[in-house]
């Protein structure tokens, strides 16, 4: 089992919470964290900035494609940022909890 975090950003808190709840209830992720962030990014030839919400899902590598598909289905952005990173180290008990929560 390889524990990973899948990350996306959305424009409002309601969308972030709906996405988090849907994916955790589907047992694709053990948990989701929602946090307000300030973003600065290049988009269509301009530099944009604004308030967004980052949603981080704790899951396993085998669920990445299903989570990406679920995010795309719910996302309001034309080009949603969706990426993942593996946990370099994770305590056994915590890794076991992630795996048990999505079984």
PDB file of N, CA and C in Angstrom:
ATOM      1  N   UNK A   1       0.838  -1.179   0.000  1.00  0.00           N
ATOM      2  CA  UNK A   1       0.000   0.000   0.000  1.00  0.00           C
ATOM      3  C   UNK A   1       0.880   1.237   0.000  1.00  0.00           C
ATOM      4  N   UNK A   2       0.649   2.125  -0.954  1.00  0.00           N
ATOM      5  CA  UNK A   2       1.353   3.397  -1.002  1.00  0.00           C
ATOM      6  C   UNK A   2       0.363   4.500  -0.681  1.00  0.00           C
ATOM      7  N   UNK A   3       0.558   5.162   0.445  1.00  0.00           N
ATOM      8  CA  UNK A   3      -0.303   6.278   0.830  1.00  0.00           C
ATOM      9  C   UNK A   3       0.074   7.505   0.006  1.00  0.00           C
ATOM     10  N   UNK A   4      -0.958   8.207  -0.473  1.00  0.00           N
ATOM     11  CA  UNK A   4      -0.736   9.428  -1.251  1.00  0.00           C
ATOM     12  C   UNK A   4      -1.698  10.513  -0.783  1.00  0.00           C
ATOM     13  N   UNK A   5      -1.375  11.735  -1.168  1.00  0.00           N
ATOM     14  CA  UNK A   5      -2.281  12.869  -0.994  1.00  0.00           C
ATOM     15  C   UNK A   5      -2.640  13.364  -2.388  1.00  0.00           C
ATOM     16  N   UNK A   6      -3.918  13.502  -2.659  1.00  0.00           N
ATOM     17  CA  UNK A   6      -4.398  14.059  -3.919  1.00  0.00           C
ATOM     18  C   UNK A   6      -4.899  15.462  -3.606  1.00  0.00           C
ATOM     19  N   UNK A   7      -4.483  16.425  -4.409  1.00  0.00           N
ATOM     20  CA  UNK A   7      -4.767  17.826  -4.127  1.00  0.00           C
ATOM     21  C   UNK A   7      -5.463  18.484  -5.311  1.00  0.00           C
ATOM     22  N   UNK A   8      -6.429  19.333  -4.996  1.00  0.00           N
ATOM     23  CA  UNK A   8      -7.054  20.191  -5.994  1.00  0.00           C
ATOM     24  C   UNK A   8      -7.383  21.525  -5.337  1.00  0.00           C
ATOM     25  N   UNK A   9      -7.729  22.504  -6.145  1.00  0.00           N
ATOM     26  CA  UNK A   9      -8.195  23.790  -5.630  1.00  0.00           C
ATOM     27  C   UNK A   9      -9.521  24.130  -6.295  1.00  0.00           C
ATOM     28  N   UNK A  10     -10.384  24.796  -5.535  1.00  0.00           N
ATOM     29  CA  UNK A  10     -11.697  25.209  -6.037  1.00  0.00           C
ATOM     30  C   UNK A  10     -11.956  26.655  -5.615  1.00  0.00           C
ATOM     31  N   UNK A  11     -12.975  27.244  -6.219  1.00  0.00           N
ATOM     32  CA  UNK A  11     -13.238  28.665  -6.005  1.00  0.00           C
ATOM     33  C   UNK A  11     -14.039  29.027  -4.775  1.00  0.00           C
ATOM     34  N   UNK A  12     -14.790  28.071  -4.215  1.00  0.00           N
ATOM     35  CA  UNK A  12     -15.573  28.438  -3.035  1.00  0.00           C
ATOM     36  C   UNK A  12     -15.674  27.279  -2.044  1.00  0.00           C
ATOM     37  N   UNK A  13     -15.991  27.648  -0.821  1.00  0.00           N
ATOM     38  CA  UNK A  13     -16.021  26.696   0.288  1.00  0.00           C
ATOM     39  C   UNK A  13     -17.096  25.627   0.098  1.00  0.00           C
ATOM     40  N   UNK A  14     -18.244  26.015  -0.426  1.00  0.00           N
ATOM     41  CA  UNK A  14     -19.334  25.063  -0.629  1.00  0.00           C
ATOM     42  C   UNK A  14     -18.907  23.946  -1.583  1.00  0.00           C
ATOM     43  N   UNK A  15     -18.270  24.309  -2.679  1.00  0.00           N
ATOM     44  CA  UNK A  15     -17.792  23.315  -3.637  1.00  0.00           C
ATOM     45  C   UNK A  15     -16.726  22.427  -2.997  1.00  0.00           C
ATOM     46  N   UNK A  16     -15.822  23.024  -2.233  1.00  0.00           N
ATOM     47  CA  UNK A  16     -14.766  22.256  -1.563  1.00  0.00           C
ATOM     48  C   UNK A  16     -15.352  21.239  -0.591  1.00  0.00           C
ATOM     49  N   UNK A  17     -16.294  21.657   0.215  1.00  0.00           N
ATOM     50  CA  UNK A  17     -16.904  20.750   1.198  1.00  0.00           C
ATOM     51  C   UNK A  17     -17.714  19.650   0.525  1.00  0.00           C
ATOM     52  N   UNK A  18     -18.442  19.995  -0.528  1.00  0.00           N
ATOM     53  CA  UNK A  18     -19.231  18.985  -1.250  1.00  0.00           C
ATOM     54  C   UNK A  18     -18.314  17.929  -1.854  1.00  0.00           C
ATOM     55  N   UNK A  19     -17.220  18.377  -2.455  1.00  0.00           N
ATOM     56  CA  UNK A  19     -16.259  17.467  -3.054  1.00  0.00           C
ATOM     57  C   UNK A  19     -15.625  16.576  -1.986  1.00  0.00           C
ATOM     58  N   UNK A  20     -15.226  17.175  -0.870  1.00  0.00           N
ATOM     59  CA  UNK A  20     -14.603  16.417   0.225  1.00  0.00           C
ATOM     60  C   UNK A  20     -15.559  15.352   0.753  1.00  0.00           C
ATOM     61  N   UNK A  21     -16.782  15.743   1.029  1.00  0.00           N
ATOM     62  CA  UNK A  21     -17.761  14.811   1.582  1.00  0.00           C
ATOM     63  C   UNK A  21     -18.080  13.680   0.604  1.00  0.00           C
ATOM     64  N   UNK A  22     -18.278  14.006  -0.654  1.00  0.00           N
ATOM     65  CA  UNK A  22     -18.616  12.996  -1.657  1.00  0.00           C
ATOM     66  C   UNK A  22     -17.513  11.944  -1.786  1.00  0.00           C
ATOM     67  N   UNK A  23     -16.274  12.383  -1.847  1.00  0.00           N
ATOM     68  CA  UNK A  23     -15.159  11.451  -2.052  1.00  0.00           C
ATOM     69  C   UNK A  23     -14.880  10.620  -0.813  1.00  0.00           C
ATOM     70  N   UNK A  24     -15.007  11.197   0.376  1.00  0.00           N
ATOM     71  CA  UNK A  24     -14.820  10.409   1.605  1.00  0.00           C
ATOM     72  C   UNK A  24     -15.982   9.438   1.788  1.00  0.00           C
ATOM     73  N   UNK A  25     -17.210   9.876   1.537  1.00  0.00           N
ATOM     74  CA  UNK A  25     -18.361   8.970   1.665  1.00  0.00           C
ATOM     75  C   UNK A  25     -18.268   7.802   0.687  1.00  0.00           C
ATOM     76  N   UNK A  26     -17.658   8.012  -0.478  1.00  0.00           N
ATOM     77  CA  UNK A  26     -17.494   6.950  -1.471  1.00  0.00           C
ATOM     78  C   UNK A  26     -16.342   6.004  -1.114  1.00  0.00           C
ATOM     79  N   UNK A  27     -15.671   6.298  -0.006  1.00  0.00           N
ATOM     80  CA  UNK A  27     -14.532   5.506   0.473  1.00  0.00           C
ATOM     81  C   UNK A  27     -13.371   5.502  -0.522  1.00  0.00           C
ATOM     82  N   UNK A  28     -13.245   6.585  -1.264  1.00  0.00           N
ATOM     83  CA  UNK A  28     -12.092   6.752  -2.141  1.00  0.00           C
ATOM     84  C   UNK A  28     -10.930   7.377  -1.378  1.00  0.00           C
ATOM     85  N   UNK A  29     -11.247   8.093  -0.299  1.00  0.00           N
ATOM     86  CA  UNK A  29     -10.227   8.707   0.555  1.00  0.00           C
ATOM     87  C   UNK A  29     -10.630   8.510   2.008  1.00  0.00           C
ATOM     88  N   UNK A  30      -9.625   8.423   2.874  1.00  0.00           N
ATOM     89  CA  UNK A  30      -9.886   8.263   4.309  1.00  0.00           C
ATOM     90  C   UNK A  30     -10.345   9.575   4.918  1.00  0.00           C
ATOM     91  N   UNK A  31      -9.807  10.679   4.422  1.00  0.00           N
ATOM     92  CA  UNK A  31     -10.222  11.991   4.915  1.00  0.00           C
ATOM     93  C   UNK A  31      -9.884  13.044   3.876  1.00  0.00           C
ATOM     94  N   UNK A  32     -10.444  14.213   4.073  1.00  0.00           N
ATOM     95  CA  UNK A  32     -10.152  15.358   3.213  1.00  0.00           C
ATOM     96  C   UNK A  32      -9.987  16.577   4.101  1.00  0.00           C
ATOM     97  N   UNK A  33      -9.048  17.408   3.747  1.00  0.00           N
ATOM     98  CA  UNK A  33      -8.831  18.658   4.479  1.00  0.00           C
ATOM     99  C   UNK A  33      -9.094  19.819   3.538  1.00  0.00           C
ATOM    100  N   UNK A  34      -9.813  20.812   4.025  1.00  0.00           N
ATOM    101  CA  UNK A  34     -10.167  21.994   3.242  1.00  0.00           C
ATOM    102  C   UNK A  34      -9.532  23.198   3.916  1.00  0.00           C
ATOM    103  N   UNK A  35      -8.797  23.984   3.138  1.00  0.00           N
ATOM    104  CA  UNK A  35      -8.187  25.194   3.708  1.00  0.00           C
ATOM    105  C   UNK A  35      -8.264  26.342   2.710  1.00  0.00           C
ATOM    106  N   UNK A  36      -8.464  27.542   3.231  1.00  0.00           N
ATOM    107  CA  UNK A  36      -8.530  28.742   2.408  1.00  0.00           C
ATOM    108  C   UNK A  36      -7.104  29.169   2.063  1.00  0.00           C
ATOM    109  N   UNK A  37      -6.885  29.510   0.792  1.00  0.00           N
ATOM    110  CA  UNK A  37      -5.556  29.914   0.331  1.00  0.00           C
ATOM    111  C   UNK A  37      -5.667  31.137  -0.571  1.00  0.00           C
ATOM    112  N   UNK A  38      -4.547  31.829  -0.749  1.00  0.00           N
ATOM    113  CA  UNK A  38      -4.409  32.895  -1.743  1.00  0.00           C
ATOM    114  C   UNK A  38      -3.613  32.319  -2.899  1.00  0.00           C
ATOM    115  N   UNK A  39      -4.122  32.442  -4.111  1.00  0.00           N
ATOM    116  CA  UNK A  39      -3.450  31.886  -5.282  1.00  0.00           C
ATOM    117  C   UNK A  39      -3.024  32.984  -6.237  1.00  0.00           C
ATOM    118  N   UNK A  40      -1.860  32.796  -6.841  1.00  0.00           N
ATOM    119  CA  UNK A  40      -1.351  33.651  -7.911  1.00  0.00           C
ATOM    120  C   UNK A  40      -0.948  32.695  -9.028  1.00  0.00           C
ATOM    121  N   UNK A  41      -1.484  32.918 -10.242  1.00  0.00           N
ATOM    122  CA  UNK A  41      -1.232  31.969 -11.319  1.00  0.00           C
ATOM    123  C   UNK A  41      -1.360  32.637 -12.678  1.00  0.00           C
ATOM    124  N   UNK A  42      -0.692  32.042 -13.658  1.00  0.00           N
ATOM    125  CA  UNK A  42      -0.793  32.507 -15.040  1.00  0.00           C
ATOM    126  C   UNK A  42      -1.982  31.817 -15.681  1.00  0.00           C
ATOM    127  N   UNK A  43      -2.840  32.604 -16.351  1.00  0.00           N
ATOM    128  CA  UNK A  43      -4.002  32.017 -17.017  1.00  0.00           C
ATOM    129  C   UNK A  43      -4.347  32.844 -18.242  1.00  0.00           C
ATOM    130  N   UNK A  44      -4.289  32.212 -19.398  1.00  0.00           N
ATOM    131  CA  UNK A  44      -4.648  32.832 -20.674  1.00  0.00           C
ATOM    132  C   UNK A  44      -3.926  34.153 -20.903  1.00  0.00           C
ATOM    133  N   UNK A  45      -2.614  34.131 -20.651  1.00  0.00           N
ATOM    134  CA  UNK A  45      -1.766  35.289 -20.932  1.00  0.00           C
ATOM    135  C   UNK A  45      -1.755  36.377 -19.882  1.00  0.00           C
ATOM    136  N   UNK A  46      -2.440  36.164 -18.770  1.00  0.00           N
ATOM    137  CA  UNK A  46      -2.467  37.172 -17.708  1.00  0.00           C
ATOM    138  C   UNK A  46      -2.077  36.531 -16.387  1.00  0.00           C
ATOM    139  N   UNK A  47      -1.639  37.356 -15.460  1.00  0.00           N
ATOM    140  CA  UNK A  47      -1.390  36.902 -14.098  1.00  0.00           C
ATOM    141  C   UNK A  47      -2.648  37.165 -13.290  1.00  0.00           C
ATOM    142  N   UNK A  48      -3.203  36.124 -12.734  1.00  0.00           N
ATOM    143  CA  UNK A  48      -4.429  36.193 -11.946  1.00  0.00           C
ATOM    144  C   UNK A  48      -4.097  35.979 -10.470  1.00  0.00           C
ATOM    145  N   UNK A  49      -4.996  36.427  -9.619  1.00  0.00           N
ATOM    146  CA  UNK A  49      -4.869  36.159  -8.183  1.00  0.00           C
ATOM    147  C   UNK A  49      -6.248  36.145  -7.571  1.00  0.00           C
ATOM    148  N   UNK A  50      -6.371  35.361  -6.518  1.00  0.00           N
ATOM    149  CA  UNK A  50      -7.668  35.309  -5.871  1.00  0.00           C
ATOM    150  C   UNK A  50      -7.697  34.317  -4.729  1.00  0.00           C
ATOM    151  N   UNK A  51      -8.810  34.303  -4.043  1.00  0.00           N
ATOM    152  CA  UNK A  51      -9.033  33.385  -2.928  1.00  0.00           C
ATOM    153  C   UNK A  51      -9.533  32.055  -3.488  1.00  0.00           C
ATOM    154  N   UNK A  52      -8.978  30.982  -2.990  1.00  0.00           N
ATOM    155  CA  UNK A  52      -9.417  29.647  -3.369  1.00  0.00           C
ATOM    156  C   UNK A  52      -9.434  28.773  -2.121  1.00  0.00           C
ATOM    157  N   UNK A  53      -9.903  27.551  -2.309  1.00  0.00           N
ATOM    158  CA  UNK A  53      -9.872  26.543  -1.254  1.00  0.00           C
ATOM    159  C   UNK A  53      -9.110  25.332  -1.771  1.00  0.00           C
ATOM    160  N   UNK A  54      -8.100  24.917  -1.012  1.00  0.00           N
ATOM    161  CA  UNK A  54      -7.345  23.721  -1.342  1.00  0.00           C
ATOM    162  C   UNK A  54      -8.022  22.536  -0.661  1.00  0.00           C
ATOM    163  N   UNK A  55      -8.211  21.460  -1.409  1.00  0.00           N
ATOM    164  CA  UNK A  55      -8.771  20.234  -0.852  1.00  0.00           C
ATOM    165  C   UNK A  55      -7.704  19.156  -1.002  1.00  0.00           C
ATOM    166  N   UNK A  56      -7.312  18.569   0.115  1.00  0.00           N
ATOM    167  CA  UNK A  56      -6.291  17.526   0.144  1.00  0.00           C
ATOM    168  C   UNK A  56      -6.948  16.236   0.621  1.00  0.00           C
ATOM    169  N   UNK A  57      -6.847  15.205  -0.203  1.00  0.00           N
ATOM    170  CA  UNK A  57      -7.431  13.899   0.104  1.00  0.00           C
ATOM    171  C   UNK A  57      -6.333  12.921   0.487  1.00  0.00           C
ATOM    172  N   UNK A  58      -6.487  12.214   1.597  1.00  0.00           N
ATOM    173  CA  UNK A  58      -5.535  11.186   2.006  1.00  0.00           C
ATOM    174  C   UNK A  58      -6.095   9.834   1.588  1.00  0.00           C
ATOM    175  N   UNK A  59      -5.313   9.125   0.775  1.00  0.00           N
ATOM    176  CA  UNK A  59      -5.806   7.903   0.163  1.00  0.00           C
ATOM    177  C   UNK A  59      -4.643   6.982  -0.171  1.00  0.00           C
ATOM    178  N   UNK A  60      -4.873   6.052  -1.091  1.00  0.00           N
ATOM    179  CA  UNK A  60      -3.819   5.158  -1.564  1.00  0.00           C
ATOM    180  C   UNK A  60      -3.686   5.322  -3.077  1.00  0.00           C
ATOM    181  N   UNK A  61      -2.521   4.961  -3.568  1.00  0.00           N
ATOM    182  CA  UNK A  61      -2.210   5.136  -4.985  1.00  0.00           C
ATOM    183  C   UNK A  61      -3.234   4.455  -5.894  1.00  0.00           C
ATOM    184  N   UNK A  62      -3.730   3.303  -5.501  1.00  0.00           N
ATOM    185  CA  UNK A  62      -4.693   2.566  -6.319  1.00  0.00           C
ATOM    186  C   UNK A  62      -5.994   3.336  -6.543  1.00  0.00           C
ATOM    187  N   UNK A  63      -6.282   4.340  -5.719  1.00  0.00           N
ATOM    188  CA  UNK A  63      -7.520   5.109  -5.858  1.00  0.00           C
ATOM    189  C   UNK A  63      -7.343   6.412  -6.635  1.00  0.00           C
ATOM    190  N   UNK A  64      -6.111   6.709  -7.073  1.00  0.00           N
ATOM    191  CA  UNK A  64      -5.871   8.000  -7.717  1.00  0.00           C
ATOM    192  C   UNK A  64      -6.798   8.246  -8.914  1.00  0.00           C
ATOM    193  N   UNK A  65      -6.867   7.309  -9.833  1.00  0.00           N
ATOM    194  CA  UNK A  65      -7.652   7.537 -11.054  1.00  0.00           C
ATOM    195  C   UNK A  65      -9.130   7.768 -10.751  1.00  0.00           C
ATOM    196  N   UNK A  66      -9.687   7.019  -9.784  1.00  0.00           N
ATOM    197  CA  UNK A  66     -11.096   7.199  -9.416  1.00  0.00           C
ATOM    198  C   UNK A  66     -11.317   8.567  -8.771  1.00  0.00           C
ATOM    199  N   UNK A  67     -10.373   9.007  -7.947  1.00  0.00           N
ATOM    200  CA  UNK A  67     -10.493  10.332  -7.317  1.00  0.00           C
ATOM    201  C   UNK A  67     -10.362  11.426  -8.375  1.00  0.00           C
ATOM    202  N   UNK A  68      -9.416  11.282  -9.284  1.00  0.00           N
ATOM    203  CA  UNK A  68      -9.274  12.284 -10.346  1.00  0.00           C
ATOM    204  C   UNK A  68     -10.571  12.386 -11.148  1.00  0.00           C
ATOM    205  N   UNK A  69     -11.160  11.254 -11.496  1.00  0.00           N
ATOM    206  CA  UNK A  69     -12.413  11.239 -12.247  1.00  0.00           C
ATOM    207  C   UNK A  69     -13.533  11.924 -11.452  1.00  0.00           C
ATOM    208  N   UNK A  70     -13.626  11.614 -10.149  1.00  0.00           N
ATOM    209  CA  UNK A  70     -14.653  12.227  -9.300  1.00  0.00           C
ATOM    210  C   UNK A  70     -14.454  13.740  -9.195  1.00  0.00           C
ATOM    211  N   UNK A  71     -13.218  14.171  -9.036  1.00  0.00           N
ATOM    212  CA  UNK A  71     -12.934  15.613  -8.966  1.00  0.00           C
ATOM    213  C   UNK A  71     -13.356  16.280 -10.267  1.00  0.00           C
ATOM    214  N   UNK A  72     -12.964  15.706 -11.402  1.00  0.00           N
ATOM    215  CA  UNK A  72     -13.323  16.289 -12.706  1.00  0.00           C
ATOM    216  C   UNK A  72     -14.842  16.385 -12.882  1.00  0.00           C
ATOM    217  N   UNK A  73     -15.557  15.357 -12.429  1.00  0.00           N
ATOM    218  CA  UNK A  73     -17.016  15.352 -12.552  1.00  0.00           C
ATOM    219  C   UNK A  73     -17.679  16.456 -11.725  1.00  0.00           C
ATOM    220  N   UNK A  74     -17.082  16.812 -10.591  1.00  0.00           N
ATOM    221  CA  UNK A  74     -17.683  17.805  -9.693  1.00  0.00           C
ATOM    222  C   UNK A  74     -17.114  19.208  -9.852  1.00  0.00           C
ATOM    223  N   UNK A  75     -15.982  19.351 -10.522  1.00  0.00           N
ATOM    224  CA  UNK A  75     -15.230  20.607 -10.528  1.00  0.00           C
ATOM    225  C   UNK A  75     -15.856  21.650 -11.445  1.00  0.00           C
ATOM    226  N   UNK A  76     -15.824  22.896 -11.008  1.00  0.00           N
ATOM    227  CA  UNK A  76     -16.397  23.994 -11.797  1.00  0.00           C
ATOM    228  C   UNK A  76     -15.367  24.673 -12.704  1.00  0.00           C
ATOM    229  N   UNK A  77     -14.088  24.404 -12.530  1.00  0.00           N
ATOM    230  CA  UNK A  77     -13.053  25.066 -13.336  1.00  0.00           C
ATOM    231  C   UNK A  77     -12.919  24.429 -14.719  1.00  0.00           C
ATOM    232  N   UNK A  78     -12.547  25.247 -15.692  1.00  0.00           N
ATOM    233  CA  UNK A  78     -12.257  24.762 -17.045  1.00  0.00           C
ATOM    234  C   UNK A  78     -11.067  23.803 -17.025  1.00  0.00           C
ATOM    235  N   UNK A  79     -10.039  24.141 -16.249  1.00  0.00           N
ATOM    236  CA  UNK A  79      -8.836  23.314 -16.139  1.00  0.00           C
ATOM    237  C   UNK A  79      -8.490  23.153 -14.654  1.00  0.00           C
ATOM    238  N   UNK A  80      -9.086  22.168 -13.994  1.00  0.00           N
ATOM    239  CA  UNK A  80      -8.795  21.998 -12.562  1.00  0.00           C
ATOM    240  C   UNK A  80      -7.373  21.494 -12.330  1.00  0.00           C
ATOM    241  N   UNK A  81      -6.752  22.018 -11.297  1.00  0.00           N
ATOM    242  CA  UNK A  81      -5.454  21.509 -10.859  1.00  0.00           C
ATOM    243  C   UNK A  81      -5.725  20.235 -10.064  1.00  0.00           C
ATOM    244  N   UNK A  82      -5.179  19.127 -10.516  1.00  0.00           N
ATOM    245  CA  UNK A  82      -5.309  17.862  -9.802  1.00  0.00           C
ATOM    246  C   UNK A  82      -3.935  17.210  -9.841  1.00  0.00           C
ATOM    247  N   UNK A  83      -3.363  16.985  -8.678  1.00  0.00           N
ATOM    248  CA  UNK A  83      -2.067  16.327  -8.613  1.00  0.00           C
ATOM    249  C   UNK A  83      -1.961  15.534  -7.320  1.00  0.00           C
ATOM    250  N   UNK A  84      -0.956  14.668  -7.261  1.00  0.00           N
ATOM    251  CA  UNK A  84      -0.791  13.820  -6.082  1.00  0.00           C
ATOM    252  C   UNK A  84       0.684  13.697  -5.744  1.00  0.00           C
ATOM    253  N   UNK A  85       0.929  13.403  -4.500  1.00  0.00           N
ATOM    254  CA  UNK A  85       2.296  13.080  -4.077  1.00  0.00           C
ATOM    255  C   UNK A  85       2.237  11.942  -3.073  1.00  0.00           C
ATOM    256  N   UNK A  86       3.250  11.097  -3.154  1.00  0.00           N
ATOM    257  CA  UNK A  86       3.335   9.955  -2.238  1.00  0.00           C
ATOM    258  C   UNK A  86       3.872  10.424  -0.893  1.00  0.00           C
ATOM    259  N   UNK A  87       3.421   9.801   0.155  1.00  0.00           N
ATOM    260  CA  UNK A  87       3.971  10.067   1.473  1.00  0.00           C
ATOM    261  C   UNK A  87       5.323   9.365   1.534  1.00  0.00           C
ATOM    262  N   UNK A  88       6.359  10.112   1.786  1.00  0.00           N
ATOM    263  CA  UNK A  88       7.684   9.500   1.874  1.00  0.00           C
ATOM    264  C   UNK A  88       7.777   8.590   3.086  1.00  0.00           C
ATOM    265  N   UNK A  89       7.211   9.030   4.172  1.00  0.00           N
ATOM    266  CA  UNK A  89       7.166   8.242   5.407  1.00  0.00           C
ATOM    267  C   UNK A  89       5.773   8.375   6.005  1.00  0.00           C
ATOM    268  N   UNK A  90       5.265   7.303   6.542  1.00  0.00           N
ATOM    269  CA  UNK A  90       3.972   7.340   7.221  1.00  0.00           C
ATOM    270  C   UNK A  90       4.023   6.321   8.350  1.00  0.00           C
ATOM    271  N   UNK A  91       3.533   6.708   9.519  1.00  0.00           N
ATOM    272  CA  UNK A  91       3.550   5.761  10.636  1.00  0.00           C
ATOM    273  C   UNK A  91       2.660   4.574  10.291  1.00  0.00           C
ATOM    274  N   UNK A  92       3.016   3.409  10.759  1.00  0.00           N
ATOM    275  CA  UNK A  92       2.280   2.189  10.447  1.00  0.00           C
ATOM    276  C   UNK A  92       0.820   2.317  10.874  1.00  0.00           C
ATOM    277  N   UNK A  93       0.589   2.801  12.083  1.00  0.00           N
ATOM    278  CA  UNK A  93      -0.780   2.916  12.588  1.00  0.00           C
ATOM    279  C   UNK A  93      -1.607   3.854  11.713  1.00  0.00           C
ATOM    280  N   UNK A  94      -1.031   4.969  11.289  1.00  0.00           N
ATOM    281  CA  UNK A  94      -1.759   5.920  10.448  1.00  0.00           C
ATOM    282  C   UNK A  94      -2.007   5.334   9.061  1.00  0.00           C
ATOM    283  N   UNK A  95      -1.008   4.686   8.495  1.00  0.00           N
ATOM    284  CA  UNK A  95      -1.171   4.029   7.199  1.00  0.00           C
ATOM    285  C   UNK A  95      -2.243   2.950   7.256  1.00  0.00           C
ATOM    286  N   UNK A  96      -2.269   2.203   8.353  1.00  0.00           N
ATOM    287  CA  UNK A  96      -3.302   1.180   8.540  1.00  0.00           C
ATOM    288  C   UNK A  96      -4.687   1.814   8.598  1.00  0.00           C
ATOM    289  N   UNK A  97      -4.797   2.959   9.281  1.00  0.00           N
ATOM    290  CA  UNK A  97      -6.082   3.663   9.369  1.00  0.00           C
ATOM    291  C   UNK A  97      -6.548   4.107   7.992  1.00  0.00           C
ATOM    292  N   UNK A  98      -5.647   4.686   7.183  1.00  0.00           N
ATOM    293  CA  UNK A  98      -6.020   5.107   5.828  1.00  0.00           C
ATOM    294  C   UNK A  98      -6.565   3.915   5.051  1.00  0.00           C
ATOM    295  N   UNK A  99      -5.818   2.823   5.091  1.00  0.00           N
ATOM    296  CA  UNK A  99      -6.240   1.632   4.337  1.00  0.00           C
ATOM    297  C   UNK A  99      -7.568   1.079   4.836  1.00  0.00           C
ATOM    298  N   UNK A 100      -7.764   1.008   6.148  1.00  0.00           N
ATOM    299  CA  UNK A 100      -9.006   0.483   6.711  1.00  0.00           C
ATOM    300  C   UNK A 100     -10.194   1.387   6.407  1.00  0.00           C
ATOM    301  N   UNK A 101      -9.968   2.687   6.320  1.00  0.00           N
ATOM    302  CA  UNK A 101     -11.050   3.643   6.093  1.00  0.00           C
ATOM    303  C   UNK A 101     -11.599   3.608   4.678  1.00  0.00           C
ATOM    304  N   UNK A 102     -10.829   3.077   3.749  1.00  0.00           N
ATOM    305  CA  UNK A 102     -11.284   3.058   2.359  1.00  0.00           C
ATOM    306  C   UNK A 102     -11.588   1.648   1.872  1.00  0.00           C
ATOM    307  N   UNK A 103     -11.540   0.703   2.790  1.00  0.00           N
ATOM    308  CA  UNK A 103     -11.812  -0.692   2.416  1.00  0.00           C
ATOM    309  C   UNK A 103     -13.298  -0.956   2.315  1.00  0.00           C
TER     310      UNK A 103
END
